[in-house]
Amino acid sequence: LESYSWFIGLMFAGQYLAFAAIPTINGVLLWCVPASSRALSMALSVVGIHLLGDVPSPVVVGAMLEHLPDPRIVLQLVMAWLGWCLVFWAAASVLSRRRHAARSDVTQPLLGEASV
């Protein structure tokens, strides 16, 4: 983009949309375990996020920048990697709905407790 204002506006929108999913993810992490395990659920989530994301990503992106000729290709590949998030979230949603529908003795809402 040649306009700095457009760049800032689109970056803001992208960051907002990327982080808008976080409350939903945290809610699912809390709803899918018993109340006594909720702190452990959140702790393991944070550790997993750091081990699988924050720690290796600078090394991987740095290696890509060294071996690929154009930094724009690296940025496009990194952004395309977010597509896997959508694929896995959609698959988890479909599988959980199928499992829920297949059970005839279900009396609880899909996510467990009616109120959190």
PDB file of N, CA and C in Angstrom:
ATOM      1  N   LEU A   1       0.834  -1.183   0.000  1.00  0.00           N
ATOM      2  CA  LEU A   1       0.000   0.000   0.000  1.00  0.00           C
ATOM      3  C   LEU A   1       0.874   1.241   0.000  1.00  0.00           C
ATOM      4  N   GLU A   2       0.468   2.221  -0.746  1.00  0.00           N
ATOM      5  CA  GLU A   2       1.244   3.458  -0.787  1.00  0.00           C
ATOM      6  C   GLU A   2       0.789   4.456   0.259  1.00  0.00           C
ATOM      7  N   SER A   3      -0.407   4.269   0.802  1.00  0.00           N
ATOM      8  CA  SER A   3      -0.932   5.187   1.800  1.00  0.00           C
ATOM      9  C   SER A   3      -0.668   4.635   3.205  1.00  0.00           C
ATOM     10  N   TYR A   4      -0.002   5.416   4.008  1.00  0.00           N
ATOM     11  CA  TYR A   4       0.290   5.022   5.388  1.00  0.00           C
ATOM     12  C   TYR A   4      -1.000   4.859   6.185  1.00  0.00           C
ATOM     13  N   SER A   5      -1.983   5.703   5.937  1.00  0.00           N
ATOM     14  CA  SER A   5      -3.259   5.618   6.660  1.00  0.00           C
ATOM     15  C   SER A   5      -3.972   4.299   6.371  1.00  0.00           C
ATOM     16  N   TRP A   6      -3.980   3.877   5.112  1.00  0.00           N
ATOM     17  CA  TRP A   6      -4.601   2.600   4.755  1.00  0.00           C
ATOM     18  C   TRP A   6      -3.860   1.447   5.420  1.00  0.00           C
ATOM     19  N   PHE A   7      -2.536   1.527   5.406  1.00  0.00           N
ATOM     20  CA  PHE A   7      -1.735   0.478   6.024  1.00  0.00           C
ATOM     21  C   PHE A   7      -2.068   0.354   7.506  1.00  0.00           C
ATOM     22  N   ILE A   8      -2.078   1.461   8.223  1.00  0.00           N
ATOM     23  CA  ILE A   8      -2.380   1.431   9.659  1.00  0.00           C
ATOM     24  C   ILE A   8      -3.804   0.929   9.896  1.00  0.00           C
ATOM     25  N   GLY A   9      -4.747   1.390   9.099  1.00  0.00           N
ATOM     26  CA  GLY A   9      -6.134   0.951   9.259  1.00  0.00           C
ATOM     27  C   GLY A   9      -6.303  -0.540   9.020  1.00  0.00           C
ATOM     28  N   LEU A  10      -5.681  -1.051   7.980  1.00  0.00           N
ATOM     29  CA  LEU A  10      -5.788  -2.474   7.685  1.00  0.00           C
ATOM     30  C   LEU A  10      -5.032  -3.328   8.702  1.00  0.00           C
ATOM     31  N   MET A  11      -3.904  -2.838   9.176  1.00  0.00           N
ATOM     32  CA  MET A  11      -3.180  -3.569  10.221  1.00  0.00           C
ATOM     33  C   MET A  11      -4.007  -3.631  11.504  1.00  0.00           C
ATOM     34  N   PHE A  12      -4.649  -2.534  11.858  1.00  0.00           N
ATOM     35  CA  PHE A  12      -5.511  -2.513  13.036  1.00  0.00           C
ATOM     36  C   PHE A  12      -6.648  -3.511  12.876  1.00  0.00           C
ATOM     37  N   ALA A  13      -7.303  -3.492  11.723  1.00  0.00           N
ATOM     38  CA  ALA A  13      -8.418  -4.405  11.475  1.00  0.00           C
ATOM     39  C   ALA A  13      -7.950  -5.860  11.531  1.00  0.00           C
ATOM     40  N   GLY A  14      -6.801  -6.148  10.928  1.00  0.00           N
ATOM     41  CA  GLY A  14      -6.274  -7.510  10.946  1.00  0.00           C
ATOM     42  C   GLY A  14      -5.939  -7.984  12.342  1.00  0.00           C
ATOM     43  N   GLN A  15      -5.303  -7.130  13.136  1.00  0.00           N
ATOM     44  CA  GLN A  15      -4.971  -7.491  14.510  1.00  0.00           C
ATOM     45  C   GLN A  15      -6.233  -7.685  15.348  1.00  0.00           C
ATOM     46  N   TYR A  16      -7.199  -6.825  15.150  1.00  0.00           N
ATOM     47  CA  TYR A  16      -8.459  -6.940  15.882  1.00  0.00           C
ATOM     48  C   TYR A  16      -9.133  -8.276  15.571  1.00  0.00           C
ATOM     49  N   LEU A  17      -9.214  -8.614  14.290  1.00  0.00           N
ATOM     50  CA  LEU A  17      -9.858  -9.862  13.903  1.00  0.00           C
ATOM     51  C   LEU A  17      -9.069 -11.079  14.366  1.00  0.00           C
ATOM     52  N   ALA A  18      -7.742 -10.982  14.354  1.00  0.00           N
ATOM     53  CA  ALA A  18      -6.927 -12.111  14.799  1.00  0.00           C
ATOM     54  C   ALA A  18      -7.124 -12.378  16.291  1.00  0.00           C
ATOM     55  N   PHE A  19      -7.209 -11.325  17.081  1.00  0.00           N
ATOM     56  CA  PHE A  19      -7.339 -11.506  18.524  1.00  0.00           C
ATOM     57  C   PHE A  19      -8.790 -11.603  18.983  1.00  0.00           C
ATOM     58  N   ALA A  20      -9.749 -11.399  18.109  1.00  0.00           N
ATOM     59  CA  ALA A  20     -11.163 -11.494  18.492  1.00  0.00           C
ATOM     60  C   ALA A  20     -11.553 -12.929  18.845  1.00  0.00           C
ATOM     61  N   ALA A  21     -10.797 -13.912  18.367  1.00  0.00           N
ATOM     62  CA  ALA A  21     -11.115 -15.308  18.652  1.00  0.00           C
ATOM     63  C   ALA A  21     -10.646 -15.745  20.035  1.00  0.00           C
ATOM     64  N   ILE A  22      -9.774 -14.997  20.668  1.00  0.00           N
ATOM     65  CA  ILE A  22      -9.182 -15.418  21.943  1.00  0.00           C
ATOM     66  C   ILE A  22     -10.228 -15.640  23.044  1.00  0.00           C
ATOM     67  N   PRO A  23     -11.204 -14.746  23.242  1.00  0.00           N
ATOM     68  CA  PRO A  23     -12.196 -15.019  24.298  1.00  0.00           C
ATOM     69  C   PRO A  23     -12.991 -16.298  24.055  1.00  0.00           C
ATOM     70  N   THR A  24     -13.284 -16.604  22.805  1.00  0.00           N
ATOM     71  CA  THR A  24     -14.015 -17.828  22.492  1.00  0.00           C
ATOM     72  C   THR A  24     -13.163 -19.054  22.806  1.00  0.00           C
ATOM     73  N   ILE A  25     -11.899 -19.008  22.441  1.00  0.00           N
ATOM     74  CA  ILE A  25     -10.996 -20.119  22.729  1.00  0.00           C
ATOM     75  C   ILE A  25     -10.888 -20.329  24.234  1.00  0.00           C
ATOM     76  N   ASN A  26     -10.720 -19.247  24.984  1.00  0.00           N
ATOM     77  CA  ASN A  26     -10.629 -19.362  26.443  1.00  0.00           C
ATOM     78  C   ASN A  26     -11.921 -19.913  27.032  1.00  0.00           C
ATOM     79  N   GLY A  27     -13.043 -19.492  26.503  1.00  0.00           N
ATOM     80  CA  GLY A  27     -14.329 -20.014  26.977  1.00  0.00           C
ATOM     81  C   GLY A  27     -14.445 -21.512  26.761  1.00  0.00           C
ATOM     82  N   VAL A  28     -14.055 -21.980  25.596  1.00  0.00           N
ATOM     83  CA  VAL A  28     -14.105 -23.416  25.310  1.00  0.00           C
ATOM     84  C   VAL A  28     -13.155 -24.175  26.219  1.00  0.00           C
ATOM     85  N   LEU A  29     -11.959 -23.617  26.436  1.00  0.00           N
ATOM     86  CA  LEU A  29     -11.013 -24.277  27.342  1.00  0.00           C
ATOM     87  C   LEU A  29     -11.573 -24.400  28.754  1.00  0.00           C
ATOM     88  N   LEU A  30     -12.364 -23.444  29.172  1.00  0.00           N
ATOM     89  CA  LEU A  30     -12.953 -23.494  30.512  1.00  0.00           C
ATOM     90  C   LEU A  30     -14.189 -24.373  30.560  1.00  0.00           C
ATOM     91  N   TRP A  31     -14.967 -24.377  29.503  1.00  0.00           N
ATOM     92  CA  TRP A  31     -16.225 -25.131  29.502  1.00  0.00           C
ATOM     93  C   TRP A  31     -16.039 -26.628  29.295  1.00  0.00           C
ATOM     94  N   CYS A  32     -14.937 -27.037  28.678  1.00  0.00           N
ATOM     95  CA  CYS A  32     -14.803 -28.460  28.332  1.00  0.00           C
ATOM     96  C   CYS A  32     -14.140 -29.284  29.435  1.00  0.00           C
ATOM     97  N   VAL A  33     -13.843 -28.687  30.557  1.00  0.00           N
ATOM     98  CA  VAL A  33     -13.251 -29.430  31.681  1.00  0.00           C
ATOM     99  C   VAL A  33     -14.099 -29.182  32.930  1.00  0.00           C
ATOM    100  N   PRO A  34     -13.996 -30.068  33.918  1.00  0.00           N
ATOM    101  CA  PRO A  34     -14.713 -29.825  35.176  1.00  0.00           C
ATOM    102  C   PRO A  34     -14.200 -28.556  35.853  1.00  0.00           C
ATOM    103  N   ALA A  35     -15.022 -27.975  36.686  1.00  0.00           N
ATOM    104  CA  ALA A  35     -14.669 -26.721  37.354  1.00  0.00           C
ATOM    105  C   ALA A  35     -13.364 -26.837  38.143  1.00  0.00           C
ATOM    106  N   SER A  36     -13.100 -27.993  38.692  1.00  0.00           N
ATOM    107  CA  SER A  36     -11.879 -28.168  39.484  1.00  0.00           C
ATOM    108  C   SER A  36     -10.611 -28.190  38.631  1.00  0.00           C
ATOM    109  N   SER A  37     -10.743 -28.374  37.320  1.00  0.00           N
ATOM    110  CA  SER A  37      -9.579 -28.452  36.429  1.00  0.00           C
ATOM    111  C   SER A  37      -9.407 -27.228  35.542  1.00  0.00           C
ATOM    112  N   ARG A  38     -10.186 -26.203  35.762  1.00  0.00           N
ATOM    113  CA  ARG A  38     -10.142 -25.043  34.865  1.00  0.00           C
ATOM    114  C   ARG A  38      -8.816 -24.292  34.924  1.00  0.00           C
ATOM    115  N   ALA A  39      -8.249 -24.145  36.095  1.00  0.00           N
ATOM    116  CA  ALA A  39      -6.955 -23.457  36.194  1.00  0.00           C
ATOM    117  C   ALA A  39      -5.880 -24.240  35.452  1.00  0.00           C
ATOM    118  N   LEU A  40      -5.878 -25.551  35.605  1.00  0.00           N
ATOM    119  CA  LEU A  40      -4.914 -26.385  34.891  1.00  0.00           C
ATOM    120  C   LEU A  40      -5.128 -26.309  33.380  1.00  0.00           C
ATOM    121  N   SER A  41      -6.381 -26.256  32.959  1.00  0.00           N
ATOM    122  CA  SER A  41      -6.689 -26.137  31.535  1.00  0.00           C
ATOM    123  C   SER A  41      -6.096 -24.862  30.944  1.00  0.00           C
ATOM    124  N   MET A  42      -6.273 -23.757  31.628  1.00  0.00           N
ATOM    125  CA  MET A  42      -5.721 -22.491  31.135  1.00  0.00           C
ATOM    126  C   MET A  42      -4.202 -22.497  31.182  1.00  0.00           C
ATOM    127  N   ALA A  43      -3.625 -23.077  32.241  1.00  0.00           N
ATOM    128  CA  ALA A  43      -2.168 -23.125  32.355  1.00  0.00           C
ATOM    129  C   ALA A  43      -1.557 -23.954  31.236  1.00  0.00           C
ATOM    130  N   LEU A  44      -2.137 -25.113  30.959  1.00  0.00           N
ATOM    131  CA  LEU A  44      -1.620 -25.945  29.876  1.00  0.00           C
ATOM    132  C   LEU A  44      -1.800 -25.276  28.517  1.00  0.00           C
ATOM    133  N   SER A  45      -2.868 -24.530  28.356  1.00  0.00           N
ATOM    134  CA  SER A  45      -3.076 -23.791  27.110  1.00  0.00           C
ATOM    135  C   SER A  45      -1.981 -22.752  26.898  1.00  0.00           C
ATOM    136  N   VAL A  46      -1.665 -22.008  27.939  1.00  0.00           N
ATOM    137  CA  VAL A  46      -0.624 -20.974  27.828  1.00  0.00           C
ATOM    138  C   VAL A  46       0.734 -21.606  27.531  1.00  0.00           C
ATOM    139  N   VAL A  47       1.051 -22.712  28.221  1.00  0.00           N
ATOM    140  CA  VAL A  47       2.319 -23.395  27.966  1.00  0.00           C
ATOM    141  C   VAL A  47       2.356 -23.911  26.522  1.00  0.00           C
ATOM    142  N   GLY A  48       1.257 -24.501  26.073  1.00  0.00           N
ATOM    143  CA  GLY A  48       1.191 -25.002  24.698  1.00  0.00           C
ATOM    144  C   GLY A  48       1.344 -23.900  23.664  1.00  0.00           C
ATOM    145  N   ILE A  49       0.712 -22.781  23.910  1.00  0.00           N
ATOM    146  CA  ILE A  49       0.819 -21.648  22.981  1.00  0.00           C
ATOM    147  C   ILE A  49       2.265 -21.192  22.874  1.00  0.00           C
ATOM    148  N   HIS A  50       2.948 -21.106  24.002  1.00  0.00           N
ATOM    149  CA  HIS A  50       4.341 -20.656  23.973  1.00  0.00           C
ATOM    150  C   HIS A  50       5.255 -21.705  23.351  1.00  0.00           C
ATOM    151  N   LEU A  51       5.054 -22.980  23.690  1.00  0.00           N
ATOM    152  CA  LEU A  51       5.920 -24.026  23.144  1.00  0.00           C
ATOM    153  C   LEU A  51       5.737 -24.215  21.639  1.00  0.00           C
ATOM    154  N   LEU A  52       4.495 -24.094  21.172  1.00  0.00           N
ATOM    155  CA  LEU A  52       4.232 -24.338  19.758  1.00  0.00           C
ATOM    156  C   LEU A  52       4.245 -23.073  18.901  1.00  0.00           C
ATOM    157  N   GLY A  53       4.188 -21.906  19.524  1.00  0.00           N
ATOM    158  CA  GLY A  53       4.097 -20.682  18.747  1.00  0.00           C
ATOM    159  C   GLY A  53       5.198 -19.689  18.997  1.00  0.00           C
ATOM    160  N   ASP A  54       5.243 -19.150  20.197  1.00  0.00           N
ATOM    161  CA  ASP A  54       6.172 -18.057  20.501  1.00  0.00           C
ATOM    162  C   ASP A  54       7.639 -18.485  20.439  1.00  0.00           C
ATOM    163  N   VAL A  55       7.943 -19.703  20.871  1.00  0.00           N
ATOM    164  CA  VAL A  55       9.339 -20.135  20.931  1.00  0.00           C
ATOM    165  C   VAL A  55       9.894 -20.466  19.538  1.00  0.00           C
ATOM    166  N   PRO A  56       9.246 -21.345  18.766  1.00  0.00           N
ATOM    167  CA  PRO A  56       9.871 -21.711  17.488  1.00  0.00           C
ATOM    168  C   PRO A  56       9.635 -20.734  16.343  1.00  0.00           C
ATOM    169  N   SER A  57       8.603 -19.904  16.427  1.00  0.00           N
ATOM    170  CA  SER A  57       8.262 -19.089  15.256  1.00  0.00           C
ATOM    171  C   SER A  57       9.356 -18.110  14.825  1.00  0.00           C
ATOM    172  N   PRO A  58      10.060 -17.402  15.713  1.00  0.00           N
ATOM    173  CA  PRO A  58      11.126 -16.523  15.225  1.00  0.00           C
ATOM    174  C   PRO A  58      12.241 -17.286  14.511  1.00  0.00           C
ATOM    175  N   VAL A  59      12.546 -18.485  14.994  1.00  0.00           N
ATOM    176  CA  VAL A  59      13.589 -19.293  14.367  1.00  0.00           C
ATOM    177  C   VAL A  59      13.146 -19.754  12.980  1.00  0.00           C
ATOM    178  N   VAL A  60      11.912 -20.224  12.879  1.00  0.00           N
ATOM    179  CA  VAL A  60      11.397 -20.714  11.601  1.00  0.00           C
ATOM    180  C   VAL A  60      11.289 -19.579  10.591  1.00  0.00           C
ATOM    181  N   VAL A  61      10.726 -18.461  11.001  1.00  0.00           N
ATOM    182  CA  VAL A  61      10.587 -17.331  10.080  1.00  0.00           C
ATOM    183  C   VAL A  61      11.961 -16.788   9.685  1.00  0.00           C
ATOM    184  N   GLY A  62      12.897 -16.744  10.623  1.00  0.00           N
ATOM    185  CA  GLY A  62      14.249 -16.304  10.298  1.00  0.00           C
ATOM    186  C   GLY A  62      14.914 -17.208   9.281  1.00  0.00           C
ATOM    187  N   ALA A  63      14.765 -18.521   9.451  1.00  0.00           N
ATOM    188  CA  ALA A  63      15.320 -19.466   8.480  1.00  0.00           C
ATOM    189  C   ALA A  63      14.672 -19.291   7.106  1.00  0.00           C
ATOM    190  N   MET A  64      13.381 -19.059   7.090  1.00  0.00           N
ATOM    191  CA  MET A  64      12.692 -18.826   5.816  1.00  0.00           C
ATOM    192  C   MET A  64      13.210 -17.552   5.148  1.00  0.00           C
ATOM    193  N   LEU A  65      13.424 -16.515   5.940  1.00  0.00           N
ATOM    194  CA  LEU A  65      13.940 -15.262   5.380  1.00  0.00           C
ATOM    195  C   LEU A  65      15.338 -15.440   4.799  1.00  0.00           C
ATOM    196  N   GLU A  66      16.144 -16.299   5.407  1.00  0.00           N
ATOM    197  CA  GLU A  66      17.487 -16.536   4.894  1.00  0.00           C
ATOM    198  C   GLU A  66      17.497 -17.363   3.622  1.00  0.00           C
ATOM    199  N   HIS A  67      16.531 -18.277   3.470  1.00  0.00           N
ATOM    200  CA  HIS A  67      16.575 -19.217   2.353  1.00  0.00           C
ATOM    201  C   HIS A  67      15.659 -18.868   1.189  1.00  0.00           C
ATOM    202  N   LEU A  68      14.695 -18.014   1.400  1.00  0.00           N
ATOM    203  CA  LEU A  68      13.809 -17.624   0.302  1.00  0.00           C
ATOM    204  C   LEU A  68      14.249 -16.271  -0.242  1.00  0.00           C
ATOM    205  N   PRO A  69      14.116 -16.072  -1.554  1.00  0.00           N
ATOM    206  CA  PRO A  69      14.677 -14.861  -2.164  1.00  0.00           C
ATOM    207  C   PRO A  69      13.923 -13.569  -1.843  1.00  0.00           C
ATOM    208  N   ASP A  70      12.629 -13.654  -1.601  1.00  0.00           N
ATOM    209  CA  ASP A  70      11.818 -12.448  -1.431  1.00  0.00           C
ATOM    210  C   ASP A  70      11.120 -12.475  -0.071  1.00  0.00           C
ATOM    211  N   PRO A  71      11.345 -11.459   0.774  1.00  0.00           N
ATOM    212  CA  PRO A  71      10.677 -11.437   2.084  1.00  0.00           C
ATOM    213  C   PRO A  71       9.154 -11.428   1.977  1.00  0.00           C
ATOM    214  N   ARG A  72       8.623 -10.929   0.873  1.00  0.00           N
ATOM    215  CA  ARG A  72       7.162 -10.923   0.712  1.00  0.00           C
ATOM    216  C   ARG A  72       6.610 -12.340   0.623  1.00  0.00           C
ATOM    217  N   ILE A  73       7.377 -13.248   0.037  1.00  0.00           N
ATOM    218  CA  ILE A  73       6.950 -14.650  -0.024  1.00  0.00           C
ATOM    219  C   ILE A  73       6.862 -15.221   1.388  1.00  0.00           C
ATOM    220  N   VAL A  74       7.845 -14.903   2.213  1.00  0.00           N
ATOM    221  CA  VAL A  74       7.847 -15.385   3.602  1.00  0.00           C
ATOM    222  C   VAL A  74       6.614 -14.863   4.333  1.00  0.00           C
ATOM    223  N   LEU A  75       6.333 -13.578   4.184  1.00  0.00           N
ATOM    224  CA  LEU A  75       5.160 -13.006   4.858  1.00  0.00           C
ATOM    225  C   LEU A  75       3.869 -13.642   4.363  1.00  0.00           C
ATOM    226  N   GLN A  76       3.780 -13.915   3.072  1.00  0.00           N
ATOM    227  CA  GLN A  76       2.576 -14.561   2.541  1.00  0.00           C
ATOM    228  C   GLN A  76       2.435 -15.978   3.071  1.00  0.00           C
ATOM    229  N   LEU A  77       3.550 -16.707   3.170  1.00  0.00           N
ATOM    230  CA  LEU A  77       3.488 -18.066   3.710  1.00  0.00           C
ATOM    231  C   LEU A  77       3.092 -18.069   5.182  1.00  0.00           C
ATOM    232  N   VAL A  78       3.632 -17.133   5.934  1.00  0.00           N
ATOM    233  CA  VAL A  78       3.287 -17.051   7.359  1.00  0.00           C
ATOM    234  C   VAL A  78       1.800 -16.722   7.523  1.00  0.00           C
ATOM    235  N   MET A  79       1.297 -15.809   6.740  1.00  0.00           N
ATOM    236  CA  MET A  79      -0.127 -15.460   6.836  1.00  0.00           C
ATOM    237  C   MET A  79      -1.010 -16.615   6.356  1.00  0.00           C
ATOM    238  N   ALA A  80      -0.568 -17.326   5.324  1.00  0.00           N
ATOM    239  CA  ALA A  80      -1.347 -18.467   4.834  1.00  0.00           C
ATOM    240  C   ALA A  80      -1.406 -19.579   5.876  1.00  0.00           C
ATOM    241  N   TRP A  81      -0.411 -19.642   6.750  1.00  0.00           N
ATOM    242  CA  TRP A  81      -0.389 -20.658   7.794  1.00  0.00           C
ATOM    243  C   TRP A  81      -1.602 -20.526   8.715  1.00  0.00           C
ATOM    244  N   LEU A  82      -2.138 -19.323   8.844  1.00  0.00           N
ATOM    245  CA  LEU A  82      -3.346 -19.129   9.657  1.00  0.00           C
ATOM    246  C   LEU A  82      -4.542 -19.895   9.105  1.00  0.00           C
ATOM    247  N   GLY A  83      -4.492 -20.218   7.829  1.00  0.00           N
ATOM    248  CA  GLY A  83      -5.564 -21.012   7.232  1.00  0.00           C
ATOM    249  C   GLY A  83      -5.735 -22.354   7.921  1.00  0.00           C
ATOM    250  N   TRP A  84      -4.621 -22.937   8.424  1.00  0.00           N
ATOM    251  CA  TRP A  84      -4.724 -24.196   9.150  1.00  0.00           C
ATOM    252  C   TRP A  84      -5.568 -24.049  10.405  1.00  0.00           C
ATOM    253  N   CYS A  85      -5.497 -22.886  11.030  1.00  0.00           N
ATOM    254  CA  CYS A  85      -6.343 -22.646  12.212  1.00  0.00           C
ATOM    255  C   CYS A  85      -7.810 -22.786  11.840  1.00  0.00           C
ATOM    256  N   LEU A  86      -8.191 -22.184  10.740  1.00  0.00           N
ATOM    257  CA  LEU A  86      -9.584 -22.268  10.302  1.00  0.00           C
ATOM    258  C   LEU A  86      -9.979 -23.700   9.991  1.00  0.00           C
ATOM    259  N   VAL A  87      -9.091 -24.449   9.343  1.00  0.00           N
ATOM    260  CA  VAL A  87      -9.389 -25.843   9.001  1.00  0.00           C
ATOM    261  C   VAL A  87      -9.606 -26.670  10.263  1.00  0.00           C
ATOM    262  N   PHE A  88      -8.706 -26.529  11.238  1.00  0.00           N
ATOM    263  CA  PHE A  88      -8.831 -27.331  12.456  1.00  0.00           C
ATOM    264  C   PHE A  88     -10.010 -26.888  13.314  1.00  0.00           C
ATOM    265  N   TRP A  89     -10.285 -25.591  13.389  1.00  0.00           N
ATOM    266  CA  TRP A  89     -11.460 -25.139  14.138  1.00  0.00           C
ATOM    267  C   TRP A  89     -12.741 -25.661  13.503  1.00  0.00           C
ATOM    268  N   ALA A  90     -12.819 -25.606  12.185  1.00  0.00           N
ATOM    269  CA  ALA A  90     -14.009 -26.112  11.497  1.00  0.00           C
ATOM    270  C   ALA A  90     -14.158 -27.614  11.709  1.00  0.00           C
ATOM    271  N   ALA A  91     -13.056 -28.354  11.610  1.00  0.00           N
ATOM    272  CA  ALA A  91     -13.112 -29.803  11.820  1.00  0.00           C
ATOM    273  C   ALA A  91     -13.547 -30.135  13.240  1.00  0.00           C
ATOM    274  N   ALA A  92     -13.015 -29.427  14.221  1.00  0.00           N
ATOM    275  CA  ALA A  92     -13.404 -29.666  15.611  1.00  0.00           C
ATOM    276  C   ALA A  92     -14.885 -29.374  15.821  1.00  0.00           C
ATOM    277  N   SER A  93     -15.371 -28.322  15.202  1.00  0.00           N
ATOM    278  CA  SER A  93     -16.785 -27.976  15.333  1.00  0.00           C
ATOM    279  C   SER A  93     -17.676 -29.052  14.718  1.00  0.00           C
ATOM    280  N   VAL A  94     -17.335 -29.500  13.524  1.00  0.00           N
ATOM    281  CA  VAL A  94     -18.132 -30.529  12.852  1.00  0.00           C
ATOM    282  C   VAL A  94     -18.105 -31.830  13.652  1.00  0.00           C
ATOM    283  N   LEU A  95     -16.926 -32.240  14.087  1.00  0.00           N
ATOM    284  CA  LEU A  95     -16.820 -33.491  14.840  1.00  0.00           C
ATOM    285  C   LEU A  95     -17.565 -33.424  16.168  1.00  0.00           C
ATOM    286  N   SER A  96     -17.480 -32.307  16.862  1.00  0.00           N
ATOM    287  CA  SER A  96     -18.177 -32.220  18.142  1.00  0.00           C
ATOM    288  C   SER A  96     -19.690 -32.202  17.950  1.00  0.00           C
ATOM    289  N   ARG A  97     -20.148 -31.553  16.899  1.00  0.00           N
ATOM    290  CA  ARG A  97     -21.598 -31.558  16.642  1.00  0.00           C
ATOM    291  C   ARG A  97     -22.088 -32.954  16.250  1.00  0.00           C
ATOM    292  N   ARG A  98     -21.299 -33.670  15.449  1.00  0.00           N
ATOM    293  CA  ARG A  98     -21.685 -35.042  15.085  1.00  0.00           C
ATOM    294  C   ARG A  98     -21.718 -35.947  16.311  1.00  0.00           C
ATOM    295  N   ARG A  99     -20.713 -35.816  17.150  1.00  0.00           N
ATOM    296  CA  ARG A  99     -20.663 -36.632  18.356  1.00  0.00           C
ATOM    297  C   ARG A  99     -21.838 -36.317  19.268  1.00  0.00           C
ATOM    298  N   HIS A 100     -22.148 -35.047  19.395  1.00  0.00           N
ATOM    299  CA  HIS A 100     -23.263 -34.630  20.230  1.00  0.00           C
ATOM    300  C   HIS A 100     -24.583 -35.151  19.666  1.00  0.00           C
ATOM    301  N   ALA A 101     -24.747 -35.074  18.359  1.00  0.00           N
ATOM    302  CA  ALA A 101     -25.992 -35.533  17.726  1.00  0.00           C
ATOM    303  C   ALA A 101     -26.131 -37.047  17.801  1.00  0.00           C
ATOM    304  N   ALA A 102     -25.020 -37.774  17.792  1.00  0.00           N
ATOM    305  CA  ALA A 102     -25.068 -39.232  17.810  1.00  0.00           C
ATOM    306  C   ALA A 102     -25.456 -39.786  19.175  1.00  0.00           C
ATOM    307  N   ARG A 103     -25.220 -39.002  20.202  1.00  0.00           N
ATOM    308  CA  ARG A 103     -25.564 -39.473  21.545  1.00  0.00           C
ATOM    309  C   ARG A 103     -27.036 -39.197  21.821  1.00  0.00           C
ATOM    310  N   SER A 104     -27.789 -40.231  22.148  1.00  0.00           N
ATOM    311  CA  SER A 104     -29.220 -40.052  22.399  1.00  0.00           C
ATOM    312  C   SER A 104     -29.509 -39.687  23.845  1.00  0.00           C
ATOM    313  N   ASP A 105     -28.534 -39.911  24.744  1.00  0.00           N
ATOM    314  CA  ASP A 105     -28.781 -39.658  26.165  1.00  0.00           C
ATOM    315  C   ASP A 105     -28.276 -38.290  26.607  1.00  0.00           C
ATOM    316  N   VAL A 106     -27.999 -37.417  25.691  1.00  0.00           N
ATOM    317  CA  VAL A 106     -27.454 -36.108  26.033  1.00  0.00           C
ATOM    318  C   VAL A 106     -28.562 -35.221  26.581  1.00  0.00           C
ATOM    319  N   THR A 107     -28.331 -34.706  27.774  1.00  0.00           N
ATOM    320  CA  THR A 107     -29.293 -33.788  28.368  1.00  0.00           C
ATOM    321  C   THR A 107     -28.663 -32.435  28.638  1.00  0.00           C
ATOM    322  N   GLN A 108     -27.347 -32.333  28.449  1.00  0.00           N
ATOM    323  CA  GLN A 108     -26.649 -31.087  28.698  1.00  0.00           C
ATOM    324  C   GLN A 108     -26.427 -30.340  27.393  1.00  0.00           C
ATOM    325  N   PRO A 109     -26.180 -29.037  27.480  1.00  0.00           N
ATOM    326  CA  PRO A 109     -25.797 -28.290  26.284  1.00  0.00           C
ATOM    327  C   PRO A 109     -24.487 -28.838  25.728  1.00  0.00           C
ATOM    328  N   LEU A 110     -24.162 -28.477  24.505  1.00  0.00           N
ATOM    329  CA  LEU A 110     -22.991 -28.998  23.809  1.00  0.00           C
ATOM    330  C   LEU A 110     -21.708 -28.786  24.595  1.00  0.00           C
ATOM    331  N   LEU A 111     -21.560 -27.658  25.253  1.00  0.00           N
ATOM    332  CA  LEU A 111     -20.320 -27.348  25.942  1.00  0.00           C
ATOM    333  C   LEU A 111     -20.317 -27.745  27.405  1.00  0.00           C
ATOM    334  N   GLY A 112     -21.295 -28.444  27.864  1.00  0.00           N
ATOM    335  CA  GLY A 112     -21.278 -28.913  29.256  1.00  0.00           C
ATOM    336  C   GLY A 112     -22.273 -28.165  30.110  1.00  0.00           C
ATOM    337  N   GLU A 113     -21.764 -27.437  31.089  1.00  0.00           N
ATOM    338  CA  GLU A 113     -22.620 -26.766  32.055  1.00  0.00           C
ATOM    339  C   GLU A 113     -23.455 -25.676  31.389  1.00  0.00           C
ATOM    340  N   ALA A 114     -24.672 -25.513  31.867  1.00  0.00           N
ATOM    341  CA  ALA A 114     -25.559 -24.489  31.305  1.00  0.00           C
ATOM    342  C   ALA A 114     -25.070 -23.103  31.668  1.00  0.00           C
ATOM    343  N   SER A 115     -24.529 -22.928  32.860  1.00  0.00           N
ATOM    344  CA  SER A 115     -24.024 -21.613  33.251  1.00  0.00           C
ATOM    345  C   SER A 115     -22.624 -21.761  33.782  1.00  0.00           C
ATOM    346  N   VAL A 116     -21.814 -20.748  33.485  1.00  0.00           N
ATOM    347  CA  VAL A 116     -20.405 -20.808  33.894  1.00  0.00           C
ATOM    348  C   VAL A 116     -20.160 -19.804  34.973  1.00  0.00           C
TER     349      VAL A 116
END
